[in-house]
Amino acid sequence: MFKKWLAIFKKDTLMDRAYERSFDMLAITMAMCREARVSLRQREDNEIDLSVKDKDKEVNKYEREVRRMVFNHLAVQGTADLPSGLALISIIIDIERLGDYAKNMVELAMDHPGKLHGGQFEEEIIRIESAVEDNFIQTKKCFEKGNADFALELLDKYAWVNDICDEIVVDVVKEKDVNIRPGDAAALVIYVRWLKRINSHLRNITTSVSNPFDRIGFQPKKK
């Protein structure tokens, strides 16, 4: 199904421009999340080189642009391209949420004294961060190419991330590491939950390549 949508997107139309704009949104949110993570986890001074809040406003502006372009295209061309238009709107909603979580991370970094360390969970958190970073890159490639087989591989590759995030949250709540201070514990739980949500939104975007419209955001049906 996504291959048919690509054929529509690649025409010289408003839909094509909307599709290209979604790539810009993904690239911006990837940079936002990277900078937000550095600010929270690697810097003592909590300064950031990229104005994440300004970039969040840019992503929101692009989302409105995509909505307008899709609407205007459908208004002129009729309902033939309705499924592809609705799919693209669904995708950019997920992309916009990625920007929101990056902004939330920066706000947490500004409030948290110094860099956030994961205590005994540090190794697993680094593993999750690395996975989410790569998932961003691979999701963008998958979305651009529209390869359903690649999408299924990607969904399977990072299916473990959400489960590990949940396990860390439970272990922090149960005070498995008694050396983590209350403020760090609170920040850690919030941060890990946001990593889970970022991973989930990336997976939603990937399902748009592998699934029919009605199953975007859901696990592919097993054959």
N, C-alpha and C. Protein backbone atom coordinates (compact mmCIF):
# COMPACT_ATOMS: atom_id res chain seq x y z
N MET A 1 0.83 -1.21 0.00
CA MET A 1 0.00 0.00 0.00
C MET A 1 0.87 1.26 0.00
N PHE A 2 1.93 1.26 0.79
CA PHE A 2 2.78 2.45 0.87
C PHE A 2 3.43 2.75 -0.46
N LYS A 3 3.73 1.72 -1.26
CA LYS A 3 4.31 1.93 -2.58
C LYS A 3 3.36 2.76 -3.45
N LYS A 4 2.06 2.50 -3.34
CA LYS A 4 1.08 3.27 -4.10
C LYS A 4 1.07 4.72 -3.62
N TRP A 5 1.19 4.92 -2.31
CA TRP A 5 1.23 6.28 -1.76
C TRP A 5 2.47 7.01 -2.27
N LEU A 6 3.60 6.31 -2.34
CA LEU A 6 4.83 6.93 -2.81
C LEU A 6 4.67 7.44 -4.24
N ALA A 7 3.96 6.67 -5.06
CA ALA A 7 3.73 7.09 -6.44
C ALA A 7 2.98 8.41 -6.48
N ILE A 8 2.08 8.60 -5.54
CA ILE A 8 1.34 9.87 -5.46
C ILE A 8 2.24 10.96 -4.93
N PHE A 9 3.01 10.64 -3.86
CA PHE A 9 3.87 11.64 -3.24
C PHE A 9 4.95 12.15 -4.19
N LYS A 10 5.41 11.29 -5.11
CA LYS A 10 6.54 11.65 -5.95
C LYS A 10 6.13 12.44 -7.18
N LYS A 11 4.85 12.68 -7.35
CA LYS A 11 4.41 13.57 -8.41
C LYS A 11 4.66 15.01 -8.00
N ASP A 12 4.69 15.90 -8.96
CA ASP A 12 4.91 17.32 -8.68
C ASP A 12 3.60 17.94 -8.20
N THR A 13 3.25 17.65 -6.96
CA THR A 13 1.99 18.10 -6.41
C THR A 13 2.20 18.65 -5.01
N LEU A 14 1.13 19.21 -4.46
CA LEU A 14 1.17 19.64 -3.06
C LEU A 14 1.45 18.46 -2.14
N MET A 15 0.95 17.28 -2.49
CA MET A 15 1.18 16.10 -1.67
C MET A 15 2.66 15.74 -1.62
N ASP A 16 3.32 15.90 -2.77
CA ASP A 16 4.76 15.63 -2.81
C ASP A 16 5.52 16.60 -1.91
N ARG A 17 5.14 17.88 -1.95
CA ARG A 17 5.80 18.86 -1.10
C ARG A 17 5.52 18.59 0.38
N ALA A 18 4.32 18.13 0.67
CA ALA A 18 3.98 17.78 2.05
C ALA A 18 4.83 16.59 2.52
N TYR A 19 5.00 15.61 1.63
CA TYR A 19 5.81 14.43 1.93
C TYR A 19 7.26 14.82 2.19
N GLU A 20 7.81 15.69 1.35
CA GLU A 20 9.19 16.15 1.54
C GLU A 20 9.33 16.93 2.85
N ARG A 21 8.32 17.70 3.19
CA ARG A 21 8.36 18.46 4.43
C ARG A 21 8.42 17.53 5.65
N SER A 22 7.78 16.38 5.56
CA SER A 22 7.81 15.42 6.67
C SER A 22 9.24 14.92 6.91
N PHE A 23 10.06 14.83 5.84
CA PHE A 23 11.47 14.47 6.01
C PHE A 23 12.19 15.54 6.82
N ASP A 24 11.89 16.81 6.49
CA ASP A 24 12.50 17.91 7.23
C ASP A 24 12.14 17.82 8.71
N MET A 25 10.88 17.51 8.99
CA MET A 25 10.42 17.39 10.37
C MET A 25 11.15 16.28 11.10
N LEU A 26 11.35 15.15 10.44
CA LEU A 26 12.07 14.03 11.07
C LEU A 26 13.52 14.41 11.37
N ALA A 27 14.17 15.07 10.41
CA ALA A 27 15.56 15.47 10.61
C ALA A 27 15.69 16.45 11.77
N ILE A 28 14.76 17.40 11.86
CA ILE A 28 14.81 18.40 12.93
C ILE A 28 14.58 17.74 14.28
N THR A 29 13.57 16.86 14.37
CA THR A 29 13.28 16.24 15.66
C THR A 29 14.39 15.29 16.09
N MET A 30 15.07 14.67 15.14
CA MET A 30 16.20 13.81 15.48
C MET A 30 17.31 14.65 16.12
N ALA A 31 17.60 15.82 15.52
CA ALA A 31 18.62 16.71 16.09
C ALA A 31 18.19 17.24 17.44
N MET A 32 16.91 17.54 17.60
CA MET A 32 16.39 18.03 18.87
C MET A 32 16.58 17.00 19.97
N CYS A 33 16.21 15.75 19.69
CA CYS A 33 16.31 14.69 20.70
C CYS A 33 17.76 14.41 21.06
N ARG A 34 18.64 14.49 20.07
CA ARG A 34 20.06 14.26 20.35
C ARG A 34 20.61 15.35 21.27
N GLU A 35 20.31 16.60 20.95
CA GLU A 35 20.81 17.71 21.75
C GLU A 35 20.21 17.70 23.16
N ALA A 36 18.93 17.35 23.24
CA ALA A 36 18.27 17.30 24.54
C ALA A 36 18.91 16.23 25.42
N ARG A 37 19.23 15.08 24.82
CA ARG A 37 19.86 14.00 25.58
C ARG A 37 21.24 14.41 26.07
N VAL A 38 22.00 15.07 25.21
CA VAL A 38 23.33 15.54 25.61
C VAL A 38 23.22 16.51 26.78
N SER A 39 22.27 17.42 26.70
CA SER A 39 22.09 18.43 27.75
C SER A 39 21.75 17.78 29.09
N LEU A 40 20.90 16.77 29.06
CA LEU A 40 20.45 16.12 30.29
C LEU A 40 21.48 15.13 30.84
N ARG A 41 22.13 14.41 29.94
CA ARG A 41 22.91 13.26 30.39
C ARG A 41 24.43 13.46 30.34
N GLN A 42 24.92 14.47 29.63
CA GLN A 42 26.36 14.57 29.44
C GLN A 42 26.95 15.91 29.86
N ARG A 43 26.11 16.88 30.19
CA ARG A 43 26.63 18.20 30.53
C ARG A 43 26.29 18.55 31.97
N GLU A 44 27.27 19.12 32.66
CA GLU A 44 27.05 19.57 34.03
C GLU A 44 26.43 20.96 34.07
N ASP A 45 26.69 21.75 33.00
CA ASP A 45 26.24 23.15 33.01
C ASP A 45 24.83 23.32 32.47
N ASN A 46 24.27 22.24 31.88
CA ASN A 46 22.91 22.24 31.36
C ASN A 46 22.70 23.22 30.20
N GLU A 47 23.78 23.68 29.59
CA GLU A 47 23.62 24.54 28.43
C GLU A 47 23.38 23.71 27.18
N ILE A 48 22.70 24.31 26.19
CA ILE A 48 22.43 23.61 24.94
C ILE A 48 22.90 24.47 23.78
N ASP A 49 23.43 23.82 22.74
CA ASP A 49 23.91 24.54 21.56
C ASP A 49 22.79 24.79 20.56
N LEU A 50 21.74 24.03 20.64
CA LEU A 50 20.62 24.15 19.71
C LEU A 50 19.40 24.63 20.49
N SER A 51 18.73 25.63 19.96
CA SER A 51 17.53 26.13 20.63
C SER A 51 16.39 25.15 20.36
N VAL A 52 16.24 24.18 21.24
CA VAL A 52 15.26 23.13 21.04
C VAL A 52 13.84 23.69 21.03
N LYS A 53 13.59 24.66 21.87
CA LYS A 53 12.24 25.23 21.91
C LYS A 53 11.91 25.95 20.61
N ASP A 54 12.89 26.65 20.03
CA ASP A 54 12.67 27.31 18.75
C ASP A 54 12.45 26.28 17.65
N LYS A 55 13.22 25.20 17.70
CA LYS A 55 13.05 24.13 16.71
C LYS A 55 11.69 23.45 16.86
N ASP A 56 11.22 23.36 18.10
CA ASP A 56 9.89 22.79 18.32
C ASP A 56 8.82 23.64 17.65
N LYS A 57 8.97 24.94 17.73
CA LYS A 57 8.03 25.85 17.06
C LYS A 57 8.11 25.67 15.54
N GLU A 58 9.32 25.42 15.03
CA GLU A 58 9.49 25.19 13.60
C GLU A 58 8.79 23.91 13.16
N VAL A 59 8.92 22.87 13.97
CA VAL A 59 8.24 21.60 13.66
C VAL A 59 6.73 21.80 13.67
N ASN A 60 6.23 22.54 14.65
CA ASN A 60 4.79 22.81 14.71
C ASN A 60 4.32 23.59 13.48
N LYS A 61 5.14 24.53 13.02
CA LYS A 61 4.81 25.30 11.81
C LYS A 61 4.75 24.38 10.60
N TYR A 62 5.73 23.47 10.50
CA TYR A 62 5.75 22.53 9.39
C TYR A 62 4.53 21.60 9.42
N GLU A 63 4.14 21.20 10.62
CA GLU A 63 2.96 20.35 10.73
C GLU A 63 1.73 21.05 10.16
N ARG A 64 1.58 22.32 10.48
CA ARG A 64 0.45 23.08 9.94
C ARG A 64 0.55 23.20 8.42
N GLU A 65 1.77 23.39 7.91
CA GLU A 65 1.98 23.47 6.47
C GLU A 65 1.54 22.17 5.78
N VAL A 66 1.95 21.05 6.35
CA VAL A 66 1.59 19.75 5.76
C VAL A 66 0.08 19.57 5.76
N ARG A 67 -0.55 19.93 6.86
CA ARG A 67 -2.01 19.82 6.93
C ARG A 67 -2.67 20.66 5.82
N ARG A 68 -2.18 21.88 5.64
CA ARG A 68 -2.76 22.75 4.62
C ARG A 68 -2.54 22.19 3.22
N MET A 69 -1.31 21.71 2.96
CA MET A 69 -1.00 21.19 1.62
C MET A 69 -1.83 19.95 1.30
N VAL A 70 -1.97 19.07 2.28
CA VAL A 70 -2.78 17.86 2.07
C VAL A 70 -4.24 18.24 1.83
N PHE A 71 -4.76 19.15 2.65
CA PHE A 71 -6.15 19.57 2.51
C PHE A 71 -6.39 20.21 1.14
N ASN A 72 -5.48 21.12 0.74
CA ASN A 72 -5.65 21.80 -0.55
C ASN A 72 -5.55 20.84 -1.72
N HIS A 73 -4.64 19.87 -1.60
CA HIS A 73 -4.51 18.85 -2.65
C HIS A 73 -5.81 18.06 -2.79
N LEU A 74 -6.35 17.62 -1.67
CA LEU A 74 -7.56 16.82 -1.72
C LEU A 74 -8.75 17.65 -2.19
N ALA A 75 -8.75 18.93 -1.83
CA ALA A 75 -9.85 19.80 -2.25
C ALA A 75 -9.89 19.94 -3.77
N VAL A 76 -8.69 19.92 -4.39
CA VAL A 76 -8.62 20.08 -5.85
C VAL A 76 -8.75 18.74 -6.57
N GLN A 77 -8.07 17.71 -6.04
CA GLN A 77 -8.00 16.43 -6.74
C GLN A 77 -9.15 15.48 -6.40
N GLY A 78 -9.87 15.76 -5.33
CA GLY A 78 -10.94 14.85 -4.95
C GLY A 78 -10.48 13.80 -3.97
N THR A 79 -11.28 12.76 -3.79
CA THR A 79 -11.04 11.76 -2.74
C THR A 79 -10.13 10.61 -3.17
N ALA A 80 -9.68 10.60 -4.40
CA ALA A 80 -8.87 9.47 -4.87
C ALA A 80 -7.60 9.30 -4.03
N ASP A 81 -7.02 10.41 -3.58
CA ASP A 81 -5.78 10.37 -2.80
C ASP A 81 -6.04 10.48 -1.30
N LEU A 82 -7.29 10.29 -0.89
CA LEU A 82 -7.64 10.46 0.52
C LEU A 82 -6.85 9.53 1.44
N PRO A 83 -6.70 8.23 1.14
CA PRO A 83 -5.94 7.34 2.06
C PRO A 83 -4.50 7.81 2.28
N SER A 84 -3.82 8.22 1.19
CA SER A 84 -2.44 8.67 1.33
C SER A 84 -2.37 9.97 2.12
N GLY A 85 -3.35 10.85 1.91
CA GLY A 85 -3.38 12.10 2.65
C GLY A 85 -3.59 11.88 4.13
N LEU A 86 -4.53 11.01 4.47
CA LEU A 86 -4.80 10.71 5.88
C LEU A 86 -3.59 10.02 6.53
N ALA A 87 -2.94 9.14 5.77
CA ALA A 87 -1.75 8.46 6.30
C ALA A 87 -0.65 9.46 6.62
N LEU A 88 -0.43 10.42 5.73
CA LEU A 88 0.61 11.42 5.96
C LEU A 88 0.29 12.29 7.17
N ILE A 89 -0.97 12.65 7.33
CA ILE A 89 -1.38 13.43 8.50
C ILE A 89 -1.11 12.64 9.78
N SER A 90 -1.41 11.34 9.75
CA SER A 90 -1.15 10.49 10.91
C SER A 90 0.34 10.45 11.24
N ILE A 91 1.16 10.37 10.21
CA ILE A 91 2.61 10.28 10.40
C ILE A 91 3.17 11.56 11.01
N ILE A 92 2.74 12.71 10.51
CA ILE A 92 3.32 13.96 11.02
C ILE A 92 2.87 14.24 12.46
N ILE A 93 1.74 13.68 12.86
CA ILE A 93 1.35 13.82 14.27
C ILE A 93 2.37 13.11 15.15
N ASP A 94 2.80 11.92 14.73
CA ASP A 94 3.84 11.20 15.48
C ASP A 94 5.15 11.97 15.48
N ILE A 95 5.51 12.56 14.34
CA ILE A 95 6.76 13.32 14.26
C ILE A 95 6.71 14.53 15.19
N GLU A 96 5.57 15.22 15.20
CA GLU A 96 5.43 16.39 16.07
C GLU A 96 5.57 16.02 17.53
N ARG A 97 5.08 14.86 17.91
CA ARG A 97 5.21 14.42 19.30
C ARG A 97 6.66 14.17 19.67
N LEU A 98 7.49 13.74 18.72
CA LEU A 98 8.91 13.56 18.98
C LEU A 98 9.54 14.88 19.41
N GLY A 99 9.15 15.95 18.75
CA GLY A 99 9.65 17.27 19.12
C GLY A 99 9.21 17.68 20.51
N ASP A 100 7.99 17.33 20.87
CA ASP A 100 7.49 17.66 22.21
C ASP A 100 8.32 16.98 23.28
N TYR A 101 8.68 15.71 23.07
CA TYR A 101 9.47 15.00 24.07
C TYR A 101 10.88 15.57 24.18
N ALA A 102 11.44 16.00 23.05
CA ALA A 102 12.76 16.65 23.10
C ALA A 102 12.69 17.92 23.93
N LYS A 103 11.64 18.69 23.72
CA LYS A 103 11.46 19.92 24.49
C LYS A 103 11.30 19.60 25.98
N ASN A 104 10.56 18.55 26.28
CA ASN A 104 10.38 18.14 27.68
C ASN A 104 11.72 17.76 28.30
N MET A 105 12.57 17.07 27.54
CA MET A 105 13.88 16.68 28.06
C MET A 105 14.74 17.89 28.40
N VAL A 106 14.68 18.90 27.55
CA VAL A 106 15.46 20.12 27.80
C VAL A 106 14.96 20.80 29.07
N GLU A 107 13.66 20.87 29.23
CA GLU A 107 13.09 21.47 30.44
C GLU A 107 13.54 20.72 31.68
N LEU A 108 13.58 19.38 31.58
CA LEU A 108 14.05 18.57 32.70
C LEU A 108 15.53 18.83 32.96
N ALA A 109 16.31 18.95 31.89
CA ALA A 109 17.75 19.20 32.03
C ALA A 109 18.01 20.53 32.72
N MET A 110 17.21 21.53 32.40
CA MET A 110 17.39 22.84 33.01
C MET A 110 17.05 22.82 34.50
N ASP A 111 16.14 21.95 34.90
CA ASP A 111 15.73 21.87 36.30
C ASP A 111 16.61 20.92 37.11
N HIS A 112 17.21 19.93 36.43
CA HIS A 112 18.01 18.94 37.15
C HIS A 112 19.41 19.47 37.41
N PRO A 113 19.91 19.36 38.65
CA PRO A 113 21.26 19.85 38.98
C PRO A 113 22.35 18.92 38.42
N GLY A 114 23.03 19.37 37.39
CA GLY A 114 24.09 18.55 36.82
C GLY A 114 23.55 17.50 35.88
N LYS A 115 24.45 16.64 35.39
CA LYS A 115 24.02 15.61 34.46
C LYS A 115 23.35 14.46 35.20
N LEU A 116 22.40 13.83 34.53
CA LEU A 116 21.64 12.73 35.13
C LEU A 116 22.36 11.41 34.90
N HIS A 117 22.65 10.71 36.01
CA HIS A 117 23.31 9.41 35.92
C HIS A 117 22.31 8.32 36.31
N GLY A 118 22.42 7.18 35.66
CA GLY A 118 21.44 6.11 35.86
C GLY A 118 21.76 5.12 36.95
N GLY A 119 22.81 5.36 37.73
CA GLY A 119 23.15 4.42 38.79
C GLY A 119 23.42 3.03 38.25
N GLN A 120 22.86 2.03 38.88
CA GLN A 120 23.09 0.65 38.42
C GLN A 120 22.39 0.36 37.09
N PHE A 121 21.53 1.26 36.66
CA PHE A 121 20.81 1.08 35.39
C PHE A 121 21.50 1.80 34.23
N GLU A 122 22.64 2.40 34.51
CA GLU A 122 23.31 3.24 33.51
C GLU A 122 23.62 2.47 32.23
N GLU A 123 24.14 1.27 32.35
CA GLU A 123 24.51 0.51 31.16
C GLU A 123 23.31 0.23 30.26
N GLU A 124 22.19 -0.14 30.87
CA GLU A 124 20.98 -0.42 30.09
C GLU A 124 20.42 0.85 29.47
N ILE A 125 20.50 1.97 30.19
CA ILE A 125 19.99 3.23 29.65
C ILE A 125 20.82 3.67 28.45
N ILE A 126 22.12 3.50 28.52
CA ILE A 126 22.98 3.82 27.38
C ILE A 126 22.60 2.94 26.19
N ARG A 127 22.33 1.69 26.46
CA ARG A 127 21.92 0.77 25.39
C ARG A 127 20.60 1.24 24.75
N ILE A 128 19.68 1.69 25.57
CA ILE A 128 18.39 2.19 25.07
C ILE A 128 18.60 3.46 24.24
N GLU A 129 19.42 4.38 24.76
CA GLU A 129 19.69 5.63 24.04
C GLU A 129 20.29 5.36 22.67
N SER A 130 21.23 4.42 22.62
CA SER A 130 21.86 4.06 21.36
C SER A 130 20.84 3.47 20.39
N ALA A 131 19.95 2.64 20.91
CA ALA A 131 18.92 2.02 20.07
C ALA A 131 17.95 3.06 19.52
N VAL A 132 17.54 3.99 20.36
CA VAL A 132 16.61 5.04 19.92
C VAL A 132 17.27 5.92 18.87
N GLU A 133 18.54 6.25 19.08
CA GLU A 133 19.27 7.06 18.11
C GLU A 133 19.31 6.36 16.75
N ASP A 134 19.64 5.08 16.75
CA ASP A 134 19.70 4.34 15.49
C ASP A 134 18.30 4.17 14.90
N ASN A 135 17.31 3.99 15.75
CA ASN A 135 15.94 3.84 15.26
C ASN A 135 15.49 5.10 14.52
N PHE A 136 15.90 6.25 15.01
CA PHE A 136 15.60 7.51 14.32
C PHE A 136 16.15 7.47 12.89
N ILE A 137 17.43 7.12 12.78
CA ILE A 137 18.10 7.11 11.48
C ILE A 137 17.45 6.11 10.54
N GLN A 138 17.22 4.89 11.05
CA GLN A 138 16.66 3.84 10.21
C GLN A 138 15.20 4.11 9.85
N THR A 139 14.45 4.72 10.76
CA THR A 139 13.05 5.04 10.48
C THR A 139 12.96 6.05 9.34
N LYS A 140 13.82 7.05 9.36
CA LYS A 140 13.83 8.04 8.28
C LYS A 140 14.14 7.37 6.94
N LYS A 141 15.13 6.48 6.92
CA LYS A 141 15.46 5.75 5.69
C LYS A 141 14.29 4.91 5.23
N CYS A 142 13.66 4.23 6.17
CA CYS A 142 12.53 3.35 5.86
C CYS A 142 11.37 4.15 5.27
N PHE A 143 11.09 5.29 5.86
CA PHE A 143 10.00 6.14 5.42
C PHE A 143 10.27 6.69 4.02
N GLU A 144 11.52 7.06 3.76
CA GLU A 144 11.88 7.63 2.46
C GLU A 144 11.81 6.58 1.35
N LYS A 145 12.24 5.36 1.67
CA LYS A 145 12.29 4.31 0.65
C LYS A 145 10.96 3.58 0.49
N GLY A 146 10.16 3.54 1.56
CA GLY A 146 8.88 2.85 1.48
C GLY A 146 9.01 1.34 1.34
N ASN A 147 10.06 0.78 1.95
CA ASN A 147 10.31 -0.66 1.83
C ASN A 147 9.63 -1.40 2.99
N ALA A 148 8.58 -2.16 2.67
CA ALA A 148 7.80 -2.84 3.71
C ALA A 148 8.61 -3.92 4.43
N ASP A 149 9.47 -4.64 3.69
CA ASP A 149 10.28 -5.68 4.31
C ASP A 149 11.27 -5.07 5.31
N PHE A 150 11.87 -3.96 4.93
CA PHE A 150 12.78 -3.25 5.83
C PHE A 150 12.04 -2.76 7.06
N ALA A 151 10.81 -2.29 6.87
CA ALA A 151 9.99 -1.82 7.99
C ALA A 151 9.75 -2.94 8.99
N LEU A 152 9.43 -4.12 8.50
CA LEU A 152 9.18 -5.26 9.39
C LEU A 152 10.44 -5.65 10.15
N GLU A 153 11.57 -5.60 9.48
CA GLU A 153 12.85 -5.91 10.15
C GLU A 153 13.14 -4.89 11.25
N LEU A 154 12.87 -3.63 10.95
CA LEU A 154 13.14 -2.56 11.91
C LEU A 154 12.22 -2.67 13.13
N LEU A 155 10.96 -2.99 12.89
CA LEU A 155 10.02 -3.17 14.00
C LEU A 155 10.47 -4.30 14.92
N ASP A 156 10.97 -5.36 14.31
CA ASP A 156 11.43 -6.51 15.10
C ASP A 156 12.74 -6.19 15.83
N LYS A 157 13.61 -5.41 15.19
CA LYS A 157 14.93 -5.12 15.75
C LYS A 157 14.85 -4.38 17.08
N TYR A 158 13.91 -3.44 17.19
CA TYR A 158 13.84 -2.61 18.39
C TYR A 158 12.57 -2.84 19.20
N ALA A 159 12.01 -4.03 19.07
CA ALA A 159 10.82 -4.38 19.86
C ALA A 159 11.15 -4.47 21.35
N TRP A 160 12.41 -4.74 21.68
CA TRP A 160 12.83 -4.95 23.06
C TRP A 160 12.89 -3.66 23.88
N VAL A 161 13.01 -2.52 23.20
CA VAL A 161 13.29 -1.25 23.90
C VAL A 161 12.21 -0.91 24.92
N ASN A 162 10.95 -0.97 24.53
CA ASN A 162 9.87 -0.58 25.43
C ASN A 162 9.81 -1.46 26.67
N ASP A 163 10.06 -2.75 26.49
CA ASP A 163 10.02 -3.67 27.64
C ASP A 163 11.11 -3.34 28.65
N ILE A 164 12.31 -3.05 28.15
CA ILE A 164 13.42 -2.73 29.06
C ILE A 164 13.15 -1.41 29.77
N CYS A 165 12.56 -0.45 29.07
CA CYS A 165 12.20 0.82 29.71
C CYS A 165 11.24 0.58 30.87
N ASP A 166 10.24 -0.27 30.64
CA ASP A 166 9.27 -0.58 31.70
C ASP A 166 9.94 -1.24 32.89
N GLU A 167 10.87 -2.14 32.61
CA GLU A 167 11.57 -2.85 33.69
C GLU A 167 12.39 -1.87 34.54
N ILE A 168 13.06 -0.92 33.89
CA ILE A 168 13.86 0.06 34.63
C ILE A 168 12.96 0.92 35.51
N VAL A 169 11.84 1.37 34.98
CA VAL A 169 10.91 2.19 35.76
C VAL A 169 10.45 1.44 37.01
N VAL A 170 10.07 0.18 36.84
CA VAL A 170 9.61 -0.62 37.98
C VAL A 170 10.73 -0.79 39.01
N ASP A 171 11.94 -1.06 38.53
CA ASP A 171 13.07 -1.27 39.45
C ASP A 171 13.44 0.01 40.21
N VAL A 172 13.32 1.16 39.55
CA VAL A 172 13.59 2.43 40.25
C VAL A 172 12.52 2.68 41.31
N VAL A 173 11.27 2.44 40.96
CA VAL A 173 10.17 2.62 41.91
C VAL A 173 10.33 1.70 43.12
N LYS A 174 10.82 0.48 42.87
CA LYS A 174 11.03 -0.48 43.95
C LYS A 174 12.33 -0.25 44.71
N GLU A 175 13.05 0.82 44.34
CA GLU A 175 14.30 1.21 45.00
C GLU A 175 15.34 0.10 44.94
N LYS A 176 15.49 -0.50 43.76
CA LYS A 176 16.50 -1.54 43.59
C LYS A 176 17.91 -0.99 43.76
N ASP A 177 18.07 0.31 43.43
CA ASP A 177 19.35 0.98 43.66
C ASP A 177 19.13 2.02 44.76
N VAL A 178 19.53 1.69 45.98
CA VAL A 178 19.27 2.56 47.13
C VAL A 178 20.17 3.80 47.12
N ASN A 179 21.16 3.81 46.24
CA ASN A 179 22.08 4.95 46.20
C ASN A 179 21.58 6.09 45.31
N ILE A 180 20.49 5.87 44.59
CA ILE A 180 19.93 6.93 43.76
C ILE A 180 19.11 7.87 44.63
N ARG A 181 19.44 9.15 44.57
CA ARG A 181 18.71 10.14 45.35
C ARG A 181 17.29 10.32 44.82
N PRO A 182 16.36 10.75 45.67
CA PRO A 182 14.96 10.90 45.24
C PRO A 182 14.79 11.76 43.99
N GLY A 183 15.51 12.89 43.92
CA GLY A 183 15.40 13.76 42.75
C GLY A 183 15.88 13.08 41.48
N ASP A 184 16.99 12.35 41.60
CA ASP A 184 17.52 11.61 40.44
C ASP A 184 16.57 10.49 40.04
N ALA A 185 15.98 9.82 41.03
CA ALA A 185 15.04 8.73 40.75
C ALA A 185 13.84 9.24 39.97
N ALA A 186 13.31 10.39 40.40
CA ALA A 186 12.15 10.98 39.71
C ALA A 186 12.52 11.35 38.28
N ALA A 187 13.66 12.00 38.12
CA ALA A 187 14.10 12.41 36.79
C ALA A 187 14.37 11.21 35.90
N LEU A 188 14.94 10.16 36.49
CA LEU A 188 15.28 8.96 35.73
C LEU A 188 14.03 8.27 35.21
N VAL A 189 13.02 8.15 36.05
CA VAL A 189 11.77 7.51 35.64
C VAL A 189 11.11 8.29 34.50
N ILE A 190 11.08 9.61 34.65
CA ILE A 190 10.47 10.44 33.60
C ILE A 190 11.25 10.30 32.29
N TYR A 191 12.57 10.36 32.39
CA TYR A 191 13.42 10.29 31.19
C TYR A 191 13.25 8.96 30.47
N VAL A 192 13.26 7.86 31.21
CA VAL A 192 13.12 6.54 30.59
C VAL A 192 11.75 6.38 29.95
N ARG A 193 10.73 6.92 30.60
CA ARG A 193 9.38 6.88 30.00
C ARG A 193 9.35 7.67 28.70
N TRP A 194 10.06 8.78 28.64
CA TRP A 194 10.10 9.56 27.41
C TRP A 194 10.86 8.82 26.31
N LEU A 195 11.93 8.14 26.67
CA LEU A 195 12.64 7.32 25.68
C LEU A 195 11.71 6.25 25.11
N LYS A 196 10.90 5.66 25.97
CA LYS A 196 9.93 4.67 25.51
C LYS A 196 8.93 5.28 24.55
N ARG A 197 8.43 6.47 24.87
CA ARG A 197 7.44 7.12 24.02
C ARG A 197 8.06 7.52 22.68
N ILE A 198 9.31 8.00 22.69
CA ILE A 198 9.98 8.34 21.43
C ILE A 198 10.10 7.09 20.56
N ASN A 199 10.54 6.00 21.17
CA ASN A 199 10.66 4.75 20.43
C ASN A 199 9.31 4.31 19.87
N SER A 200 8.25 4.49 20.65
CA SER A 200 6.91 4.09 20.21
C SER A 200 6.44 4.92 19.03
N HIS A 201 6.69 6.22 19.07
CA HIS A 201 6.28 7.07 17.95
C HIS A 201 7.08 6.75 16.69
N LEU A 202 8.36 6.43 16.84
CA LEU A 202 9.15 6.00 15.69
C LEU A 202 8.58 4.71 15.10
N ARG A 203 8.16 3.81 15.96
CA ARG A 203 7.58 2.55 15.51
C ARG A 203 6.24 2.81 14.79
N ASN A 204 5.48 3.77 15.27
CA ASN A 204 4.24 4.12 14.59
C ASN A 204 4.51 4.57 13.15
N ILE A 205 5.56 5.39 13.00
CA ILE A 205 5.92 5.86 11.66
C ILE A 205 6.32 4.68 10.78
N THR A 206 7.08 3.76 11.34
CA THR A 206 7.52 2.59 10.59
C THR A 206 6.34 1.72 10.16
N THR A 207 5.33 1.60 11.02
CA THR A 207 4.17 0.78 10.65
C THR A 207 3.40 1.37 9.47
N SER A 208 3.57 2.68 9.22
CA SER A 208 2.90 3.28 8.07
C SER A 208 3.44 2.71 6.76
N VAL A 209 4.66 2.17 6.81
CA VAL A 209 5.28 1.58 5.63
C VAL A 209 4.87 0.12 5.47
N SER A 210 4.66 -0.57 6.57
CA SER A 210 4.38 -2.01 6.51
C SER A 210 2.90 -2.35 6.57
N ASN A 211 2.07 -1.44 7.10
CA ASN A 211 0.67 -1.75 7.38
C ASN A 211 -0.30 -0.98 6.49
N PRO A 212 -1.51 -1.51 6.29
CA PRO A 212 -2.55 -0.71 5.65
C PRO A 212 -2.96 0.43 6.57
N PHE A 213 -3.69 1.40 6.03
CA PHE A 213 -4.00 2.62 6.78
C PHE A 213 -4.65 2.35 8.12
N ASP A 214 -5.60 1.41 8.17
CA ASP A 214 -6.34 1.18 9.40
C ASP A 214 -5.50 0.55 10.50
N ARG A 215 -4.29 0.08 10.16
CA ARG A 215 -3.43 -0.56 11.16
C ARG A 215 -2.15 0.23 11.42
N ILE A 216 -2.09 1.48 10.97
CA ILE A 216 -0.94 2.32 11.30
C ILE A 216 -0.90 2.53 12.82
N GLY A 217 0.26 2.28 13.40
CA GLY A 217 0.41 2.40 14.85
C GLY A 217 0.19 1.10 15.59
N PHE A 218 -0.17 0.04 14.85
CA PHE A 218 -0.38 -1.27 15.46
C PHE A 218 0.67 -2.25 14.92
N GLN A 219 0.89 -3.31 15.69
CA GLN A 219 1.83 -4.33 15.24
C GLN A 219 1.31 -5.00 13.98
N PRO A 220 2.21 -5.28 13.02
CA PRO A 220 1.78 -5.98 11.80
C PRO A 220 1.18 -7.35 12.14
N LYS A 221 0.20 -7.74 11.36
CA LYS A 221 -0.39 -9.05 11.58
C LYS A 221 0.61 -10.13 11.19
N LYS A 222 0.66 -11.16 12.00
CA LYS A 222 1.55 -12.27 11.69
C LYS A 222 0.97 -13.11 10.56
N LYS A 223 1.85 -13.48 9.66
CA LYS A 223 1.41 -14.29 8.52
C LYS A 223 1.28 -15.75 8.90
